[in-house]
Amino acid sequence: MNPEVKASMFKTAIQAKKFSKSVAIVLILPCLLASGCTSQENVLRLFVASSMTDFIGQISSDHSTSQPATVTAINIAGSGTLLTQLDEGAEADVVILAGRDHMRRLQEMGSFLPPVQFASTSLSVVVSPELASATLSIRDLKAGELQGAACVISAPCGQLAEQFAAANGLELRSWSREPNVRSVLAKVERGEVDFGFVYRTDFLATETDIAELADSGAEAFTTFYSLAVARDAPNMTQAVALVELITSQYGQSQLRQLGFELP
């Protein structure tokens, strides 16, 4: 299938899945990052990597519809930030992280059950709407005249950008560094930088006129997504139900529509 047609199909599917304003995702409040106010058994606390924003929005909405007595509190941030919050005492029932190293670090904390790997995605180099019609290549990035953006090195997307840069002889020192992949995407969309390193699934999710750098080889750099449930989750039944929904045929179908690969 023509890549442009495929991308268009993915974007159409994604737009069809956008929440109406009447459907709310409960973003986690500051108190939920402390251990003193998170003991309610009807609250399911999710810590989610930012690149899974669209997927977890849809899947948690479906879960809430089938489990109306449960309030879903979602904390969305970069995987490195989520680990820092947990290390500093924040509590979560289910954690979804990008990057195998990040999940390994979560397991080393000793508070979570063995992880389940459920998806993957690849790196993408995207250019701003102003440059979308230009025929750019890696050579243009190497010239140093364009301003780029990438995730901080503590984030999996930043690590992939570093690996890509090393493989292609790119200089990173002048690039803008952002806390997570959605922040990088936003900078490119607004034209604040000329190009950025995001995941291909983020490119497919955008509703703006950014473009993907053709033949960059970025697709060879991939990251994997895993989830883990807290050993002592007060709402264990609902946590397990959510995991089963994510790993079900329906959950896999939603992942495919968003452009994720399955393990």
Protein backbone atom coordinates (compact mmCIF):
# COMPACT_ATOMS: atom_id res chain seq x y z
CA MET A 1 0.00 0.00 0.00
CA ASN A 2 1.18 3.51 -0.79
CA PRO A 3 2.68 4.98 2.45
CA GLU A 4 0.73 8.24 2.02
CA VAL A 5 -2.56 6.34 1.62
CA LYS A 6 -1.70 4.17 4.64
CA ALA A 7 -0.91 7.24 6.75
CA SER A 8 -4.18 8.86 5.68
CA MET A 9 -6.11 5.75 6.70
CA PHE A 10 -4.45 5.72 10.11
CA LYS A 11 -5.21 9.41 10.66
CA THR A 12 -8.86 8.91 9.69
CA ALA A 13 -9.16 6.02 12.15
CA ILE A 14 -7.52 8.05 14.89
CA GLN A 15 -9.74 11.09 14.36
CA ALA A 16 -12.79 8.83 14.52
CA LYS A 17 -11.62 7.67 17.95
CA LYS A 18 -11.19 11.16 19.44
CA PHE A 19 -13.22 11.70 22.58
CA SER A 20 -16.25 13.92 22.51
CA LYS A 21 -16.14 16.73 25.03
CA SER A 22 -18.68 14.86 27.14
CA VAL A 23 -16.22 12.02 27.81
CA ALA A 24 -13.71 12.93 30.51
CA ILE A 25 -10.35 11.45 31.28
CA VAL A 26 -9.63 12.14 34.94
CA LEU A 27 -6.08 13.45 35.06
CA ILE A 28 -4.37 12.55 38.26
CA LEU A 29 -4.42 15.32 40.88
CA PRO A 30 -1.38 16.35 42.92
CA CYS A 31 -2.69 14.51 45.95
CA LEU A 32 -2.72 11.27 44.00
CA LEU A 33 1.05 11.56 43.66
CA ALA A 34 1.29 11.27 47.43
CA SER A 35 0.61 8.09 49.36
CA GLY A 36 -1.87 9.68 51.77
CA CYS A 37 -4.95 10.04 49.59
CA THR A 38 -4.96 7.06 47.25
CA SER A 39 -6.47 4.27 49.29
CA GLN A 40 -10.00 4.34 47.81
CA GLU A 41 -10.80 0.97 46.34
CA ASN A 42 -12.97 2.53 43.62
CA VAL A 43 -10.07 4.54 42.16
CA LEU A 44 -7.86 2.90 39.54
CA ARG A 45 -4.57 4.81 39.28
CA LEU A 46 -2.84 4.59 35.90
CA PHE A 47 0.65 5.90 35.14
CA VAL A 48 0.99 6.05 31.36
CA ALA A 49 3.81 6.95 28.96
CA SER A 50 2.83 10.04 26.97
CA SER A 51 3.12 8.28 23.60
CA MET A 52 0.24 6.03 24.72
CA THR A 53 -2.08 9.01 25.31
CA ASP A 54 -4.56 8.28 22.51
CA PHE A 55 -4.71 4.55 23.17
CA ILE A 56 -5.18 4.78 26.92
CA GLY A 57 -7.82 7.45 26.44
CA GLN A 58 -9.92 5.14 24.33
CA ILE A 59 -9.31 1.97 26.31
CA SER A 60 -9.91 3.61 29.72
CA SER A 61 -13.16 5.09 28.40
CA ASP A 62 -14.29 1.61 27.37
CA HIS A 63 -13.22 0.23 30.74
CA SER A 64 -15.11 2.97 32.63
CA THR A 65 -18.24 2.30 30.59
CA SER A 66 -18.21 -1.35 31.58
CA GLN A 67 -17.14 -0.57 35.17
CA PRO A 68 -19.09 2.59 36.10
CA ALA A 69 -18.34 2.26 39.83
CA THR A 70 -14.60 2.74 39.20
CA VAL A 71 -12.99 6.15 38.79
CA THR A 72 -9.96 6.06 36.51
CA ALA A 73 -7.21 8.52 37.46
CA ILE A 74 -4.62 8.89 34.70
CA ASN A 75 -1.17 10.40 35.10
CA ILE A 76 0.41 10.93 31.68
CA ALA A 77 4.11 11.82 31.45
CA GLY A 78 7.39 10.66 29.99
CA SER A 79 8.46 7.20 31.15
CA GLY A 80 11.49 8.62 32.97
CA THR A 81 9.31 11.15 34.79
CA LEU A 82 6.86 8.44 35.83
CA LEU A 83 9.68 6.38 37.30
CA THR A 84 10.95 9.39 39.22
CA GLN A 85 7.49 10.02 40.66
CA LEU A 86 7.17 6.40 41.74
CA ASP A 87 10.64 6.42 43.23
CA GLU A 88 9.69 9.50 45.25
CA GLY A 89 6.65 7.78 46.75
CA ALA A 90 3.81 8.18 44.25
CA GLU A 91 1.52 5.17 44.00
CA ALA A 92 -0.02 3.54 40.93
CA ASP A 93 -2.10 0.43 40.31
CA VAL A 94 -1.09 -0.03 36.67
CA VAL A 95 1.99 1.42 34.99
CA ILE A 96 2.55 1.55 31.23
CA LEU A 97 6.08 2.44 30.15
CA ALA A 98 7.99 2.76 26.92
CA GLY A 99 11.41 1.13 26.78
CA ARG A 100 12.60 -2.15 28.22
CA ASP A 101 15.19 -0.44 30.41
CA HIS A 102 12.49 1.67 32.05
CA MET A 103 10.39 -1.39 32.81
CA ARG A 104 13.45 -3.13 34.20
CA ARG A 105 13.95 -0.17 36.56
CA LEU A 106 10.32 -0.41 37.63
CA GLN A 107 10.75 -4.11 38.40
CA GLU A 108 13.81 -3.34 40.50
CA MET A 109 11.58 -1.31 42.83
CA GLY A 110 10.01 -4.62 43.88
CA SER A 111 6.45 -3.32 44.10
CA PHE A 112 5.10 -4.58 40.79
CA LEU A 113 4.19 -7.94 39.32
CA PRO A 114 6.11 -9.24 36.26
CA PRO A 115 5.48 -7.09 33.18
CA VAL A 116 3.49 -7.83 30.05
CA GLN A 117 4.85 -6.53 26.75
CA PHE A 118 1.97 -5.56 24.47
CA ALA A 119 3.08 -3.16 21.71
CA SER A 120 5.94 -1.47 19.91
CA THR A 121 6.52 1.52 17.66
CA SER A 122 9.38 3.03 15.70
CA LEU A 123 11.14 6.36 15.47
CA SER A 124 10.08 9.01 12.96
CA VAL A 125 11.68 12.27 11.86
CA VAL A 126 8.99 14.88 11.25
CA VAL A 127 9.27 18.38 9.79
CA SER A 128 7.21 21.48 10.49
CA PRO A 129 4.23 22.54 8.32
CA GLU A 130 6.37 25.31 6.81
CA LEU A 131 8.84 22.73 5.49
CA ALA A 132 6.36 19.95 4.74
CA SER A 133 6.42 20.59 1.00
CA ALA A 134 10.21 20.80 0.81
CA THR A 135 12.25 17.81 -0.31
CA LEU A 136 14.50 17.33 2.70
CA SER A 137 16.93 14.57 3.54
CA ILE A 138 19.35 13.57 6.28
CA ARG A 139 21.93 15.74 4.51
CA ASP A 140 19.82 18.83 5.30
CA LEU A 141 19.74 17.86 8.97
CA LYS A 142 23.51 17.42 8.97
CA ALA A 143 24.06 20.89 7.49
CA GLY A 144 23.20 22.38 10.87
CA GLU A 145 20.99 25.17 9.54
CA LEU A 146 17.74 23.62 10.77
CA GLN A 147 16.63 23.65 14.39
CA GLY A 148 15.67 20.26 15.80
CA ALA A 149 13.97 18.89 18.89
CA ALA A 150 14.16 15.57 20.71
CA CYS A 151 13.15 14.09 24.03
CA VAL A 152 15.46 14.31 27.02
CA ILE A 153 17.90 11.42 27.23
CA SER A 154 16.03 9.92 30.21
CA ALA A 155 13.05 9.25 27.93
CA PRO A 156 13.03 6.28 25.52
CA CYS A 157 12.30 8.61 22.59
CA GLY A 158 15.40 10.61 23.51
CA GLN A 159 17.52 7.48 23.66
CA LEU A 160 16.33 6.43 20.19
CA ALA A 161 17.10 9.91 18.85
CA GLU A 162 20.62 9.64 20.27
CA GLN A 163 21.10 6.26 18.61
CA PHE A 164 19.80 7.57 15.29
CA ALA A 165 22.03 10.63 15.48
CA ALA A 166 25.11 8.53 16.24
CA ALA A 167 24.35 6.23 13.32
CA ASN A 168 23.93 9.15 10.93
CA GLY A 169 26.58 11.57 12.15
CA LEU A 170 24.17 14.21 13.44
CA GLU A 171 25.17 16.80 16.04
CA LEU A 172 22.66 17.06 18.90
CA ARG A 173 24.06 19.81 21.09
CA SER A 174 21.98 22.62 19.59
CA TRP A 175 18.70 20.73 19.66
CA SER A 176 15.81 21.61 21.92
CA ARG A 177 15.25 18.94 24.58
CA GLU A 178 11.68 18.20 25.68
CA PRO A 179 10.34 16.14 28.61
CA ASN A 180 8.32 13.73 26.45
CA VAL A 181 7.48 12.87 22.86
CA ARG A 182 4.20 14.78 22.78
CA SER A 183 6.07 17.95 23.73
CA VAL A 184 8.43 17.40 20.80
CA LEU A 185 5.47 16.83 18.49
CA ALA A 186 3.79 20.04 19.68
CA LYS A 187 6.91 22.09 18.98
CA VAL A 188 7.10 20.78 15.42
CA GLU A 189 3.38 21.29 14.87
CA ARG A 190 3.64 24.93 15.99
CA GLY A 191 6.70 25.53 13.83
CA GLU A 192 8.88 26.39 16.83
CA VAL A 193 11.48 23.98 15.46
CA ASP A 194 12.10 22.77 11.92
CA PHE A 195 12.15 19.07 12.68
CA GLY A 196 11.79 16.67 15.57
CA PHE A 197 12.17 13.05 16.59
CA VAL A 198 8.89 11.43 17.59
CA TYR A 199 7.36 8.00 17.27
CA ARG A 200 5.67 7.06 14.03
CA THR A 201 2.43 6.58 15.94
CA ASP A 202 2.63 10.23 17.04
CA PHE A 203 3.06 11.31 13.43
CA LEU A 204 0.02 9.25 12.45
CA ALA A 205 -1.98 10.83 15.29
CA THR A 206 -1.32 14.46 14.38
CA GLU A 207 -4.06 16.56 12.86
CA THR A 208 -1.66 19.18 11.53
CA ASP A 209 0.19 19.41 8.22
CA ILE A 210 3.58 18.23 9.39
CA ALA A 211 5.44 15.76 7.17
CA GLU A 212 7.63 12.75 7.72
CA LEU A 213 11.19 12.81 6.44
CA ALA A 214 11.28 10.23 3.67
CA ASP A 215 13.84 7.43 3.55
CA SER A 216 15.44 8.50 6.83
CA GLY A 217 15.90 4.95 8.11
CA ALA A 218 14.35 5.96 11.44
CA GLU A 219 11.97 3.01 11.31
CA ALA A 220 14.88 0.74 12.22
CA PHE A 221 14.92 2.25 15.72
CA THR A 222 12.10 0.82 17.82
CA THR A 223 10.80 0.91 21.37
CA PHE A 224 8.59 -1.56 23.20
CA TYR A 225 5.69 -0.95 25.58
CA SER A 226 5.07 -2.99 28.71
CA LEU A 227 2.62 -2.76 31.57
CA ALA A 228 2.81 -3.94 35.15
CA VAL A 229 0.31 -4.16 38.00
CA ALA A 230 1.19 -3.19 41.57
CA ARG A 231 1.54 -6.21 43.86
CA ASP A 232 -0.64 -4.62 46.52
CA ALA A 233 -3.09 -2.71 44.31
CA PRO A 234 -6.17 -1.98 46.45
CA ASN A 235 -8.34 -2.31 43.34
CA MET A 236 -6.67 -5.45 42.00
CA THR A 237 -9.82 -6.78 40.32
CA GLN A 238 -10.22 -3.65 38.22
CA ALA A 239 -6.50 -3.46 37.51
CA VAL A 240 -6.53 -7.00 36.13
CA ALA A 241 -9.69 -6.26 34.14
CA LEU A 242 -7.98 -3.28 32.49
CA VAL A 243 -4.91 -5.35 31.62
CA GLU A 244 -7.12 -8.04 30.12
CA LEU A 245 -8.88 -5.39 28.02
CA ILE A 246 -5.57 -3.96 26.79
CA THR A 247 -4.26 -7.39 25.79
CA SER A 248 -7.56 -8.62 24.32
CA GLN A 249 -8.31 -8.85 20.61
CA TYR A 250 -10.23 -5.61 20.94
CA GLY A 251 -7.29 -3.86 22.60
CA GLN A 252 -4.94 -5.17 19.93
CA SER A 253 -7.30 -3.90 17.24
CA GLN A 254 -7.21 -0.42 18.77
CA LEU A 255 -3.42 -0.52 18.86
CA ARG A 256 -3.26 -1.49 15.19
CA GLN A 257 -5.60 1.33 14.22
CA LEU A 258 -3.26 3.77 15.93
CA GLY A 259 -0.28 2.36 14.04
CA PHE A 260 1.34 0.33 16.82
CA GLU A 261 2.94 -3.01 16.12
CA LEU A 262 2.09 -6.03 18.24
CA PRO A 263 4.65 -8.31 19.94
